[in-house]
Amino acid sequence: RNSWRRRRGALRASGRSAMNGNGAQKRQKVQDEVKEYYGETLKVTEDLKTNACCTGAAPPPKIRKALAKIHPDVIAKYYGCGLTIPDDDLAGLSVLDLGCGAGRDCYLLSQLVGEKGRV
């Protein structure tokens, strides 16, 4: 039993020293870079530094109609990978948008689910 306590204490100590040393510095550097990119560099969609997120086809008419009602500042801050929703009627449904960014998809979906739906 004492052996287990010593090992547990050693693991805790080694974890703390790793986080206090180079590991913490690397983590802080990554956090700073992400904060700078999303807070300073990335202001509008055109600033996006990747081609991994793109949508090739034009959205269907009901989506275009809903997008036209969203404020231009929200549209300009859209950095997503496209809206993938079923063609079915979404009226009255509940939708969860994980990682909603500027909220474009939430505004769009709120129009599609209607007054009885939830986003």
PDB file of N, CA and C in Angstrom:
ATOM      1  N   ARG A   1       0.822  -1.187   0.000  1.00  0.00           N
ATOM      2  CA  ARG A   1       0.000   0.000   0.000  1.00  0.00           C
ATOM      3  C   ARG A   1       0.874   1.262   0.000  1.00  0.00           C
ATOM      4  N   ASN A   2       1.916   1.299   0.789  1.00  0.00           N
ATOM      5  CA  ASN A   2       2.813   2.456   0.806  1.00  0.00           C
ATOM      6  C   ASN A   2       3.506   2.636  -0.536  1.00  0.00           C
ATOM      7  N   SER A   3       3.811   1.523  -1.203  1.00  0.00           N
ATOM      8  CA  SER A   3       4.438   1.583  -2.520  1.00  0.00           C
ATOM      9  C   SER A   3       3.537   2.321  -3.515  1.00  0.00           C
ATOM     10  N   TRP A   4       2.253   2.011  -3.464  1.00  0.00           N
ATOM     11  CA  TRP A   4       1.293   2.656  -4.362  1.00  0.00           C
ATOM     12  C   TRP A   4       1.232   4.160  -4.099  1.00  0.00           C
ATOM     13  N   ARG A   5       1.242   4.552  -2.828  1.00  0.00           N
ATOM     14  CA  ARG A   5       1.206   5.975  -2.477  1.00  0.00           C
ATOM     15  C   ARG A   5       2.450   6.696  -2.974  1.00  0.00           C
ATOM     16  N   ARG A   6       3.609   6.049  -2.860  1.00  0.00           N
ATOM     17  CA  ARG A   6       4.847   6.672  -3.350  1.00  0.00           C
ATOM     18  C   ARG A   6       4.775   6.870  -4.863  1.00  0.00           C
ATOM     19  N   ARG A   7       4.297   5.847  -5.593  1.00  0.00           N
ATOM     20  CA  ARG A   7       4.197   5.966  -7.050  1.00  0.00           C
ATOM     21  C   ARG A   7       3.214   7.067  -7.433  1.00  0.00           C
ATOM     22  N   ARG A   8       2.082   7.119  -6.747  1.00  0.00           N
ATOM     23  CA  ARG A   8       1.094   8.151  -7.037  1.00  0.00           C
ATOM     24  C   ARG A   8       1.688   9.536  -6.781  1.00  0.00           C
ATOM     25  N   GLY A   9       2.406   9.691  -5.688  1.00  0.00           N
ATOM     26  CA  GLY A   9       3.050  10.970  -5.386  1.00  0.00           C
ATOM     27  C   GLY A   9       4.098  11.333  -6.415  1.00  0.00           C
ATOM     28  N   ALA A  10       4.860  10.338  -6.882  1.00  0.00           N
ATOM     29  CA  ALA A  10       5.878  10.586  -7.905  1.00  0.00           C
ATOM     30  C   ALA A  10       5.232  11.001  -9.218  1.00  0.00           C
ATOM     31  N   LEU A  11       4.116  10.371  -9.578  1.00  0.00           N
ATOM     32  CA  LEU A  11       3.416  10.738 -10.809  1.00  0.00           C
ATOM     33  C   LEU A  11       2.880  12.157 -10.728  1.00  0.00           C
ATOM     34  N   ARG A  12       2.318  12.505  -9.594  1.00  0.00           N
ATOM     35  CA  ARG A  12       1.830  13.877  -9.426  1.00  0.00           C
ATOM     36  C   ARG A  12       2.965  14.877  -9.540  1.00  0.00           C
ATOM     37  N   ALA A  13       4.066  14.599  -8.898  1.00  0.00           N
ATOM     38  CA  ALA A  13       5.216  15.503  -8.935  1.00  0.00           C
ATOM     39  C   ALA A  13       5.759  15.626 -10.351  1.00  0.00           C
ATOM     40  N   SER A  14       5.859  14.505 -11.073  1.00  0.00           N
ATOM     41  CA  SER A  14       6.396  14.574 -12.435  1.00  0.00           C
ATOM     42  C   SER A  14       5.447  15.339 -13.341  1.00  0.00           C
ATOM     43  N   GLY A  15       4.143  15.187 -13.129  1.00  0.00           N
ATOM     44  CA  GLY A  15       3.168  15.933 -13.919  1.00  0.00           C
ATOM     45  C   GLY A  15       3.264  17.421 -13.668  1.00  0.00           C
ATOM     46  N   ARG A  16       3.441  17.795 -12.406  1.00  0.00           N
ATOM     47  CA  ARG A  16       3.580  19.215 -12.077  1.00  0.00           C
ATOM     48  C   ARG A  16       4.838  19.797 -12.682  1.00  0.00           C
ATOM     49  N   SER A  17       5.946  19.059 -12.630  1.00  0.00           N
ATOM     50  CA  SER A  17       7.187  19.620 -13.161  1.00  0.00           C
ATOM     51  C   SER A  17       7.112  19.759 -14.673  1.00  0.00           C
ATOM     52  N   ALA A  18       6.418  18.821 -15.348  1.00  0.00           N
ATOM     53  CA  ALA A  18       6.278  18.931 -16.799  1.00  0.00           C
ATOM     54  C   ALA A  18       5.439  20.151 -17.157  1.00  0.00           C
ATOM     55  N   MET A  19       4.398  20.412 -16.388  1.00  0.00           N
ATOM     56  CA  MET A  19       3.547  21.550 -16.678  1.00  0.00           C
ATOM     57  C   MET A  19       4.209  22.865 -16.296  1.00  0.00           C
ATOM     58  N   ASN A  20       5.092  22.845 -15.324  1.00  0.00           N
ATOM     59  CA  ASN A  20       5.771  24.067 -14.919  1.00  0.00           C
ATOM     60  C   ASN A  20       6.931  24.405 -15.830  1.00  0.00           C
ATOM     61  N   GLY A  21       7.414  23.453 -16.584  1.00  0.00           N
ATOM     62  CA  GLY A  21       8.571  23.671 -17.437  1.00  0.00           C
ATOM     63  C   GLY A  21       8.179  23.927 -18.872  1.00  0.00           C
ATOM     64  N   ASN A  22       8.835  23.212 -19.759  1.00  0.00           N
ATOM     65  CA  ASN A  22       8.683  23.406 -21.192  1.00  0.00           C
ATOM     66  C   ASN A  22       7.266  23.122 -21.674  1.00  0.00           C
ATOM     67  N   GLY A  23       6.566  22.156 -21.075  1.00  0.00           N
ATOM     68  CA  GLY A  23       5.205  21.822 -21.490  1.00  0.00           C
ATOM     69  C   GLY A  23       4.251  22.987 -21.340  1.00  0.00           C
ATOM     70  N   ALA A  24       4.354  23.689 -20.237  1.00  0.00           N
ATOM     71  CA  ALA A  24       3.484  24.840 -19.995  1.00  0.00           C
ATOM     72  C   ALA A  24       3.798  25.971 -20.966  1.00  0.00           C
ATOM     73  N   GLN A  25       5.070  26.150 -21.273  1.00  0.00           N
ATOM     74  CA  GLN A  25       5.458  27.197 -22.221  1.00  0.00           C
ATOM     75  C   GLN A  25       4.914  26.895 -23.614  1.00  0.00           C
ATOM     76  N   LYS A  26       5.002  25.629 -24.029  1.00  0.00           N
ATOM     77  CA  LYS A  26       4.476  25.247 -25.344  1.00  0.00           C
ATOM     78  C   LYS A  26       2.965  25.448 -25.394  1.00  0.00           C
ATOM     79  N   ARG A  27       2.282  25.026 -24.327  1.00  0.00           N
ATOM     80  CA  ARG A  27       0.832  25.182 -24.280  1.00  0.00           C
ATOM     81  C   ARG A  27       0.449  26.657 -24.336  1.00  0.00           C
ATOM     82  N   GLN A  28       1.165  27.497 -23.600  1.00  0.00           N
ATOM     83  CA  GLN A  28       0.873  28.927 -23.599  1.00  0.00           C
ATOM     84  C   GLN A  28       1.129  29.531 -24.977  1.00  0.00           C
ATOM     85  N   LYS A  29       2.184  29.082 -25.650  1.00  0.00           N
ATOM     86  CA  LYS A  29       2.502  29.579 -26.997  1.00  0.00           C
ATOM     87  C   LYS A  29       1.372  29.242 -27.969  1.00  0.00           C
ATOM     88  N   VAL A  30       0.874  28.019 -27.910  1.00  0.00           N
ATOM     89  CA  VAL A  30      -0.230  27.609 -28.782  1.00  0.00           C
ATOM     90  C   VAL A  30      -1.475  28.439 -28.476  1.00  0.00           C
ATOM     91  N   GLN A  31      -1.779  28.616 -27.193  1.00  0.00           N
ATOM     92  CA  GLN A  31      -2.945  29.419 -26.816  1.00  0.00           C
ATOM     93  C   GLN A  31      -2.810  30.850 -27.326  1.00  0.00           C
ATOM     94  N   ASP A  32      -1.623  31.424 -27.204  1.00  0.00           N
ATOM     95  CA  ASP A  32      -1.390  32.786 -27.675  1.00  0.00           C
ATOM     96  C   ASP A  32      -1.558  32.887 -29.188  1.00  0.00           C
ATOM     97  N   GLU A  33      -1.054  31.882 -29.918  1.00  0.00           N
ATOM     98  CA  GLU A  33      -1.173  31.892 -31.376  1.00  0.00           C
ATOM     99  C   GLU A  33      -2.627  31.763 -31.820  1.00  0.00           C
ATOM    100  N   VAL A  34      -3.376  30.893 -31.168  1.00  0.00           N
ATOM    101  CA  VAL A  34      -4.792  30.726 -31.502  1.00  0.00           C
ATOM    102  C   VAL A  34      -5.557  32.005 -31.185  1.00  0.00           C
ATOM    103  N   LYS A  35      -5.270  32.595 -30.027  1.00  0.00           N
ATOM    104  CA  LYS A  35      -5.927  33.838 -29.627  1.00  0.00           C
ATOM    105  C   LYS A  35      -5.627  34.956 -30.630  1.00  0.00           C
ATOM    106  N   GLU A  36      -4.368  35.051 -31.066  1.00  0.00           N
ATOM    107  CA  GLU A  36      -3.998  36.079 -32.043  1.00  0.00           C
ATOM    108  C   GLU A  36      -4.704  35.844 -33.374  1.00  0.00           C
ATOM    109  N   TYR A  37      -4.720  34.584 -33.833  1.00  0.00           N
ATOM    110  CA  TYR A  37      -5.338  34.278 -35.126  1.00  0.00           C
ATOM    111  C   TYR A  37      -6.825  34.610 -35.120  1.00  0.00           C
ATOM    112  N   TYR A  38      -7.546  34.125 -34.107  1.00  0.00           N
ATOM    113  CA  TYR A  38      -8.988  34.347 -34.071  1.00  0.00           C
ATOM    114  C   TYR A  38      -9.366  35.731 -33.555  1.00  0.00           C
ATOM    115  N   GLY A  39      -8.485  36.392 -32.828  1.00  0.00           N
ATOM    116  CA  GLY A  39      -8.803  37.701 -32.279  1.00  0.00           C
ATOM    117  C   GLY A  39      -8.275  38.868 -33.079  1.00  0.00           C
ATOM    118  N   GLU A  40      -7.163  38.664 -33.781  1.00  0.00           N
ATOM    119  CA  GLU A  40      -6.528  39.769 -34.500  1.00  0.00           C
ATOM    120  C   GLU A  40      -6.466  39.542 -36.009  1.00  0.00           C
ATOM    121  N   THR A  41      -5.938  38.394 -36.422  1.00  0.00           N
ATOM    122  CA  THR A  41      -5.701  38.122 -37.841  1.00  0.00           C
ATOM    123  C   THR A  41      -7.000  37.905 -38.603  1.00  0.00           C
ATOM    124  N   LEU A  42      -7.868  37.079 -38.069  1.00  0.00           N
ATOM    125  CA  LEU A  42      -9.088  36.660 -38.749  1.00  0.00           C
ATOM    126  C   LEU A  42     -10.207  37.648 -38.450  1.00  0.00           C
ATOM    127  N   LYS A  43     -10.479  38.522 -39.387  1.00  0.00           N
ATOM    128  CA  LYS A  43     -11.527  39.527 -39.202  1.00  0.00           C
ATOM    129  C   LYS A  43     -12.753  39.238 -40.067  1.00  0.00           C
ATOM    130  N   VAL A  44     -12.532  38.773 -41.282  1.00  0.00           N
ATOM    131  CA  VAL A  44     -13.620  38.431 -42.202  1.00  0.00           C
ATOM    132  C   VAL A  44     -13.289  37.116 -42.886  1.00  0.00           C
ATOM    133  N   THR A  45     -14.259  36.538 -43.567  1.00  0.00           N
ATOM    134  CA  THR A  45     -14.097  35.236 -44.204  1.00  0.00           C
ATOM    135  C   THR A  45     -12.877  35.188 -45.116  1.00  0.00           C
ATOM    136  N   GLU A  46     -12.595  36.257 -45.817  1.00  0.00           N
ATOM    137  CA  GLU A  46     -11.471  36.283 -46.752  1.00  0.00           C
ATOM    138  C   GLU A  46     -10.117  36.128 -46.058  1.00  0.00           C
ATOM    139  N   ASP A  47     -10.052  36.368 -44.752  1.00  0.00           N
ATOM    140  CA  ASP A  47      -8.801  36.237 -43.998  1.00  0.00           C
ATOM    141  C   ASP A  47      -8.489  34.796 -43.613  1.00  0.00           C
ATOM    142  N   LEU A  48      -9.430  33.883 -43.818  1.00  0.00           N
ATOM    143  CA  LEU A  48      -9.253  32.485 -43.437  1.00  0.00           C
ATOM    144  C   LEU A  48      -8.037  31.905 -44.145  1.00  0.00           C
ATOM    145  N   LYS A  49      -7.109  31.325 -43.375  1.00  0.00           N
ATOM    146  CA  LYS A  49      -5.839  30.838 -43.919  1.00  0.00           C
ATOM    147  C   LYS A  49      -5.853  29.333 -44.139  1.00  0.00           C
ATOM    148  N   THR A  50      -6.889  28.830 -44.744  1.00  0.00           N
ATOM    149  CA  THR A  50      -6.960  27.406 -45.055  1.00  0.00           C
ATOM    150  C   THR A  50      -7.956  27.190 -46.174  1.00  0.00           C
ATOM    151  N   ASN A  51      -7.717  26.142 -46.936  1.00  0.00           N
ATOM    152  CA  ASN A  51      -8.693  25.782 -47.955  1.00  0.00           C
ATOM    153  C   ASN A  51      -9.395  24.481 -47.573  1.00  0.00           C
ATOM    154  N   ALA A  52      -9.205  24.054 -46.330  1.00  0.00           N
ATOM    155  CA  ALA A  52      -9.830  22.814 -45.871  1.00  0.00           C
ATOM    156  C   ALA A  52     -11.334  22.976 -45.711  1.00  0.00           C
ATOM    157  N   CYS A  53     -11.766  24.168 -45.380  1.00  0.00           N
ATOM    158  CA  CYS A  53     -13.190  24.413 -45.191  1.00  0.00           C
ATOM    159  C   CYS A  53     -13.727  25.198 -46.372  1.00  0.00           C
ATOM    160  N   CYS A  54     -14.477  24.522 -47.191  1.00  0.00           N
ATOM    161  CA  CYS A  54     -15.043  25.219 -48.339  1.00  0.00           C
ATOM    162  C   CYS A  54     -16.335  24.533 -48.751  1.00  0.00           C
ATOM    163  N   THR A  55     -17.163  25.279 -49.403  1.00  0.00           N
ATOM    164  CA  THR A  55     -18.383  24.726 -49.956  1.00  0.00           C
ATOM    165  C   THR A  55     -18.397  25.057 -51.431  1.00  0.00           C
ATOM    166  N   GLY A  56     -18.546  24.051 -52.251  1.00  0.00           N
ATOM    167  CA  GLY A  56     -18.483  24.250 -53.688  1.00  0.00           C
ATOM    168  C   GLY A  56     -19.792  24.675 -54.305  1.00  0.00           C
ATOM    169  N   ALA A  57     -20.875  24.045 -53.935  1.00  0.00           N
ATOM    170  CA  ALA A  57     -22.160  24.301 -54.566  1.00  0.00           C
ATOM    171  C   ALA A  57     -22.900  25.435 -53.876  1.00  0.00           C
ATOM    172  N   ALA A  58     -23.734  26.108 -54.664  1.00  0.00           N
ATOM    173  CA  ALA A  58     -24.587  27.152 -54.097  1.00  0.00           C
ATOM    174  C   ALA A  58     -25.657  26.494 -53.231  1.00  0.00           C
ATOM    175  N   PRO A  59     -26.024  27.136 -52.142  1.00  0.00           N
ATOM    176  CA  PRO A  59     -27.056  26.551 -51.276  1.00  0.00           C
ATOM    177  C   PRO A  59     -28.417  26.543 -51.974  1.00  0.00           C
ATOM    178  N   PRO A  60     -29.313  25.680 -51.537  1.00  0.00           N
ATOM    179  CA  PRO A  60     -30.658  25.642 -52.118  1.00  0.00           C
ATOM    180  C   PRO A  60     -31.410  26.948 -51.858  1.00  0.00           C
ATOM    181  N   PRO A  61     -32.473  27.201 -52.617  1.00  0.00           N
ATOM    182  CA  PRO A  61     -33.210  28.472 -52.490  1.00  0.00           C
ATOM    183  C   PRO A  61     -33.673  28.807 -51.073  1.00  0.00           C
ATOM    184  N   LYS A  62     -34.186  27.812 -50.311  1.00  0.00           N
ATOM    185  CA  LYS A  62     -34.674  28.137 -48.955  1.00  0.00           C
ATOM    186  C   LYS A  62     -33.532  28.607 -48.055  1.00  0.00           C
ATOM    187  N   ILE A  63     -32.330  28.094 -48.281  1.00  0.00           N
ATOM    188  CA  ILE A  63     -31.162  28.519 -47.497  1.00  0.00           C
ATOM    189  C   ILE A  63     -30.731  29.916 -47.933  1.00  0.00           C
ATOM    190  N   ARG A  64     -30.699  30.159 -49.235  1.00  0.00           N
ATOM    191  CA  ARG A  64     -30.332  31.498 -49.738  1.00  0.00           C
ATOM    192  C   ARG A  64     -31.294  32.556 -49.203  1.00  0.00           C
ATOM    193  N   LYS A  65     -32.583  32.219 -49.170  1.00  0.00           N
ATOM    194  CA  LYS A  65     -33.590  33.158 -48.661  1.00  0.00           C
ATOM    195  C   LYS A  65     -33.335  33.470 -47.185  1.00  0.00           C
ATOM    196  N   ALA A  66     -33.023  32.450 -46.402  1.00  0.00           N
ATOM    197  CA  ALA A  66     -32.745  32.653 -44.975  1.00  0.00           C
ATOM    198  C   ALA A  66     -31.446  33.430 -44.778  1.00  0.00           C
ATOM    199  N   LEU A  67     -30.428  33.126 -45.572  1.00  0.00           N
ATOM    200  CA  LEU A  67     -29.143  33.838 -45.464  1.00  0.00           C
ATOM    201  C   LEU A  67     -29.308  35.326 -45.759  1.00  0.00           C
ATOM    202  N   ALA A  68     -30.200  35.660 -46.680  1.00  0.00           N
ATOM    203  CA  ALA A  68     -30.419  37.062 -47.049  1.00  0.00           C
ATOM    204  C   ALA A  68     -30.949  37.885 -45.876  1.00  0.00           C
ATOM    205  N   LYS A  69     -31.523  37.233 -44.875  1.00  0.00           N
ATOM    206  CA  LYS A  69     -32.085  37.933 -43.717  1.00  0.00           C
ATOM    207  C   LYS A  69     -31.083  38.097 -42.574  1.00  0.00           C
ATOM    208  N   ILE A  70     -29.880  37.568 -42.741  1.00  0.00           N
ATOM    209  CA  ILE A  70     -28.868  37.628 -41.678  1.00  0.00           C
ATOM    210  C   ILE A  70     -27.991  38.857 -41.888  1.00  0.00           C
ATOM    211  N   HIS A  71     -27.664  39.530 -40.810  1.00  0.00           N
ATOM    212  CA  HIS A  71     -26.869  40.762 -40.873  1.00  0.00           C
ATOM    213  C   HIS A  71     -25.546  40.520 -41.605  1.00  0.00           C
ATOM    214  N   PRO A  72     -25.139  41.443 -42.471  1.00  0.00           N
ATOM    215  CA  PRO A  72     -23.894  41.286 -43.238  1.00  0.00           C
ATOM    216  C   PRO A  72     -22.643  41.069 -42.380  1.00  0.00           C
ATOM    217  N   ASP A  73     -22.594  41.662 -41.184  1.00  0.00           N
ATOM    218  CA  ASP A  73     -21.427  41.461 -40.314  1.00  0.00           C
ATOM    219  C   ASP A  73     -21.309  40.003 -39.867  1.00  0.00           C
ATOM    220  N   VAL A  74     -22.438  39.363 -39.628  1.00  0.00           N
ATOM    221  CA  VAL A  74     -22.428  37.947 -39.240  1.00  0.00           C
ATOM    222  C   VAL A  74     -21.979  37.102 -40.425  1.00  0.00           C
ATOM    223  N   ILE A  75     -22.483  37.404 -41.605  1.00  0.00           N
ATOM    224  CA  ILE A  75     -22.093  36.670 -42.823  1.00  0.00           C
ATOM    225  C   ILE A  75     -20.597  36.831 -43.068  1.00  0.00           C
ATOM    226  N   ALA A  76     -20.065  38.040 -42.878  1.00  0.00           N
ATOM    227  CA  ALA A  76     -18.638  38.297 -43.126  1.00  0.00           C
ATOM    228  C   ALA A  76     -17.741  37.539 -42.162  1.00  0.00           C
ATOM    229  N   LYS A  77     -18.250  37.222 -40.978  1.00  0.00           N
ATOM    230  CA  LYS A  77     -17.453  36.510 -39.969  1.00  0.00           C
ATOM    231  C   LYS A  77     -17.638  34.995 -40.034  1.00  0.00           C
ATOM    232  N   TYR A  78     -18.265  34.489 -41.083  1.00  0.00           N
ATOM    233  CA  TYR A  78     -18.499  33.051 -41.209  1.00  0.00           C
ATOM    234  C   TYR A  78     -17.209  32.364 -41.632  1.00  0.00           C
ATOM    235  N   TYR A  79     -16.732  31.416 -40.822  1.00  0.00           N
ATOM    236  CA  TYR A  79     -15.502  30.680 -41.118  1.00  0.00           C
ATOM    237  C   TYR A  79     -15.759  29.178 -41.170  1.00  0.00           C
ATOM    238  N   GLY A  80     -16.994  28.784 -41.283  1.00  0.00           N
ATOM    239  CA  GLY A  80     -17.355  27.375 -41.201  1.00  0.00           C
ATOM    240  C   GLY A  80     -17.069  26.579 -42.454  1.00  0.00           C
ATOM    241  N   CYS A  81     -17.443  25.318 -42.388  1.00  0.00           N
ATOM    242  CA  CYS A  81     -17.191  24.365 -43.471  1.00  0.00           C
ATOM    243  C   CYS A  81     -18.453  24.041 -44.245  1.00  0.00           C
ATOM    244  N   GLY A  82     -19.420  24.880 -44.185  1.00  0.00           N
ATOM    245  CA  GLY A  82     -20.657  24.633 -44.905  1.00  0.00           C
ATOM    246  C   GLY A  82     -21.742  24.118 -43.988  1.00  0.00           C
ATOM    247  N   LEU A  83     -22.949  24.300 -44.401  1.00  0.00           N
ATOM    248  CA  LEU A  83     -24.096  23.884 -43.617  1.00  0.00           C
ATOM    249  C   LEU A  83     -24.607  22.566 -44.174  1.00  0.00           C
ATOM    250  N   THR A  84     -24.540  21.543 -43.387  1.00  0.00           N
ATOM    251  CA  THR A  84     -25.034  20.237 -43.815  1.00  0.00           C
ATOM    252  C   THR A  84     -26.276  19.901 -43.008  1.00  0.00           C
ATOM    253  N   ILE A  85     -27.405  20.151 -43.625  1.00  0.00           N
ATOM    254  CA  ILE A  85     -28.679  19.861 -42.977  1.00  0.00           C
ATOM    255  C   ILE A  85     -29.521  19.036 -43.941  1.00  0.00           C
ATOM    256  N   PRO A  86     -30.456  18.272 -43.425  1.00  0.00           N
ATOM    257  CA  PRO A  86     -31.314  17.488 -44.317  1.00  0.00           C
ATOM    258  C   PRO A  86     -32.247  18.398 -45.109  1.00  0.00           C
ATOM    259  N   ASP A  87     -32.698  17.914 -46.234  1.00  0.00           N
ATOM    260  CA  ASP A  87     -33.649  18.675 -47.048  1.00  0.00           C
ATOM    261  C   ASP A  87     -35.055  18.636 -46.462  1.00  0.00           C
ATOM    262  N   ASP A  88     -35.243  17.840 -45.430  1.00  0.00           N
ATOM    263  CA  ASP A  88     -36.554  17.706 -44.800  1.00  0.00           C
ATOM    264  C   ASP A  88     -36.985  19.023 -44.169  1.00  0.00           C
ATOM    265  N   ASP A  89     -38.259  19.098 -43.864  1.00  0.00           N
ATOM    266  CA  ASP A  89     -38.804  20.242 -43.148  1.00  0.00           C
ATOM    267  C   ASP A  89     -38.302  20.190 -41.707  1.00  0.00           C
ATOM    268  N   LEU A  90     -37.689  21.257 -41.233  1.00  0.00           N
ATOM    269  CA  LEU A  90     -37.140  21.299 -39.878  1.00  0.00           C
ATOM    270  C   LEU A  90     -38.067  21.993 -38.882  1.00  0.00           C
ATOM    271  N   ALA A  91     -39.215  22.428 -39.328  1.00  0.00           N
ATOM    272  CA  ALA A  91     -40.142  23.174 -38.467  1.00  0.00           C
ATOM    273  C   ALA A  91     -40.449  22.391 -37.195  1.00  0.00           C
ATOM    274  N   GLY A  92     -40.290  23.081 -36.062  1.00  0.00           N
ATOM    275  CA  GLY A  92     -40.609  22.508 -34.766  1.00  0.00           C
ATOM    276  C   GLY A  92     -39.531  21.633 -34.155  1.00  0.00           C
ATOM    277  N   LEU A  93     -38.436  21.406 -34.856  1.00  0.00           N
ATOM    278  CA  LEU A  93     -37.369  20.546 -34.338  1.00  0.00           C
ATOM    279  C   LEU A  93     -36.407  21.323 -33.449  1.00  0.00           C
ATOM    280  N   SER A  94     -35.604  20.598 -32.676  1.00  0.00           N
ATOM    281  CA  SER A  94     -34.518  21.178 -31.880  1.00  0.00           C
ATOM    282  C   SER A  94     -33.207  20.842 -32.560  1.00  0.00           C
ATOM    283  N   VAL A  95     -32.326  21.836 -32.682  1.00  0.00           N
ATOM    284  CA  VAL A  95     -31.047  21.664 -33.358  1.00  0.00           C
ATOM    285  C   VAL A  95     -29.937  22.154 -32.438  1.00  0.00           C
ATOM    286  N   LEU A  96     -28.861  21.390 -32.357  1.00  0.00           N
ATOM    287  CA  LEU A  96     -27.687  21.778 -31.576  1.00  0.00           C
ATOM    288  C   LEU A  96     -26.544  22.056 -32.538  1.00  0.00           C
ATOM    289  N   ASP A  97     -25.996  23.267 -32.504  1.00  0.00           N
ATOM    290  CA  ASP A  97     -24.867  23.639 -33.353  1.00  0.00           C
ATOM    291  C   ASP A  97     -23.635  23.746 -32.469  1.00  0.00           C
ATOM    292  N   LEU A  98     -22.737  22.798 -32.581  1.00  0.00           N
ATOM    293  CA  LEU A  98     -21.498  22.804 -31.799  1.00  0.00           C
ATOM    294  C   LEU A  98     -20.441  23.620 -32.532  1.00  0.00           C
ATOM    295  N   GLY A  99     -19.806  24.535 -31.838  1.00  0.00           N
ATOM    296  CA  GLY A  99     -18.773  25.361 -32.461  1.00  0.00           C
ATOM    297  C   GLY A  99     -19.382  26.359 -33.419  1.00  0.00           C
ATOM    298  N   CYS A 100     -20.365  27.110 -32.959  1.00  0.00           N
ATOM    299  CA  CYS A 100     -21.151  27.952 -33.860  1.00  0.00           C
ATOM    300  C   CYS A 100     -20.458  29.241 -34.287  1.00  0.00           C
ATOM    301  N   GLY A 101     -19.286  29.549 -33.767  1.00  0.00           N
ATOM    302  CA  GLY A 101     -18.537  30.720 -34.238  1.00  0.00           C
ATOM    303  C   GLY A 101     -19.332  32.004 -34.126  1.00  0.00           C
ATOM    304  N   ALA A 102     -19.475  32.709 -35.254  1.00  0.00           N
ATOM    305  CA  ALA A 102     -20.183  33.988 -35.275  1.00  0.00           C
ATOM    306  C   ALA A 102     -21.694  33.813 -35.190  1.00  0.00           C
ATOM    307  N   GLY A 103     -22.167  32.590 -35.329  1.00  0.00           N
ATOM    308  CA  GLY A 103     -23.587  32.330 -35.169  1.00  0.00           C
ATOM    309  C   GLY A 103     -24.400  32.306 -36.447  1.00  0.00           C
ATOM    310  N   ARG A 104     -23.748  32.377 -37.605  1.00  0.00           N
ATOM    311  CA  ARG A 104     -24.479  32.404 -38.867  1.00  0.00           C
ATOM    312  C   ARG A 104     -25.437  31.224 -38.986  1.00  0.00           C
ATOM    313  N   ASP A 105     -24.939  30.023 -38.737  1.00  0.00           N
ATOM    314  CA  ASP A 105     -25.775  28.835 -38.881  1.00  0.00           C
ATOM    315  C   ASP A 105     -26.919  28.830 -37.871  1.00  0.00           C
ATOM    316  N   CYS A 106     -26.682  29.365 -36.678  1.00  0.00           N
ATOM    317  CA  CYS A 106     -27.751  29.440 -35.672  1.00  0.00           C
ATOM    318  C   CYS A 106     -28.861  30.380 -36.135  1.00  0.00           C
ATOM    319  N   TYR A 107     -28.482  31.525 -36.688  1.00  0.00           N
ATOM    320  CA  TYR A 107     -29.486  32.451 -37.207  1.00  0.00           C
ATOM    321  C   TYR A 107     -30.255  31.809 -38.355  1.00  0.00           C
ATOM    322  N   LEU A 108     -29.546  31.138 -39.233  1.00  0.00           N
ATOM    323  CA  LEU A 108     -30.172  30.471 -40.363  1.00  0.00           C
ATOM    324  C   LEU A 108     -31.118  29.367 -39.889  1.00  0.00           C
ATOM    325  N   LEU A 109     -30.620  28.513 -39.000  1.00  0.00           N
ATOM    326  CA  LEU A 109     -31.430  27.402 -38.498  1.00  0.00           C
ATOM    327  C   LEU A 109     -32.650  27.884 -37.721  1.00  0.00           C
ATOM    328  N   SER A 110     -32.528  29.003 -37.031  1.00  0.00           N
ATOM    329  CA  SER A 110     -33.679  29.515 -36.280  1.00  0.00           C
ATOM    330  C   SER A 110     -34.834  29.840 -37.222  1.00  0.00           C
ATOM    331  N   GLN A 111     -34.513  30.265 -38.429  1.00  0.00           N
ATOM    332  CA  GLN A 111     -35.561  30.524 -39.415  1.00  0.00           C
ATOM    333  C   GLN A 111     -36.179  29.220 -39.919  1.00  0.00           C
ATOM    334  N   LEU A 112     -35.366  28.183 -40.037  1.00  0.00           N
ATOM    335  CA  LEU A 112     -35.846  26.908 -40.575  1.00  0.00           C
ATOM    336  C   LEU A 112     -36.658  26.103 -39.555  1.00  0.00           C
ATOM    337  N   VAL A 113     -36.335  26.223 -38.267  1.00  0.00           N
ATOM    338  CA  VAL A 113     -37.092  25.477 -37.251  1.00  0.00           C
ATOM    339  C   VAL A 113     -38.361  26.214 -36.840  1.00  0.00           C
ATOM    340  N   GLY A 114     -38.404  27.507 -37.085  1.00  0.00           N
ATOM    341  CA  GLY A 114     -39.599  28.290 -36.796  1.00  0.00           C
ATOM    342  C   GLY A 114     -39.786  28.581 -35.318  1.00  0.00           C
ATOM    343  N   GLU A 115     -40.941  29.155 -35.002  1.00  0.00           N
ATOM    344  CA  GLU A 115     -41.224  29.598 -33.635  1.00  0.00           C
ATOM    345  C   GLU A 115     -41.324  28.452 -32.631  1.00  0.00           C
ATOM    346  N   LYS A 116     -41.721  27.280 -33.077  1.00  0.00           N
ATOM    347  CA  LYS A 116     -41.874  26.147 -32.156  1.00  0.00           C
ATOM    348  C   LYS A 116     -40.608  25.307 -32.053  1.00  0.00           C
ATOM    349  N   GLY A 117     -39.616  25.596 -32.885  1.00  0.00           N
ATOM    350  CA  GLY A 117     -38.350  24.871 -32.829  1.00  0.00           C
ATOM    351  C   GLY A 117     -37.369  25.553 -31.901  1.00  0.00           C
ATOM    352  N   ARG A 118     -36.216  24.894 -31.704  1.00  0.00           N
ATOM    353  CA  ARG A 118     -35.183  25.445 -30.811  1.00  0.00           C
ATOM    354  C   ARG A 118     -33.816  25.249 -31.441  1.00  0.00           C
ATOM    355  N   VAL A 119     -32.971  26.245 -31.275  1.00  0.00           N
ATOM    356  CA  VAL A 119     -31.570  26.154 -31.718  1.00  0.00           C
ATOM    357  C   VAL A 119     -30.703  26.444 -30.522  1.00  0.00           C
TER     358      VAL A 119
END
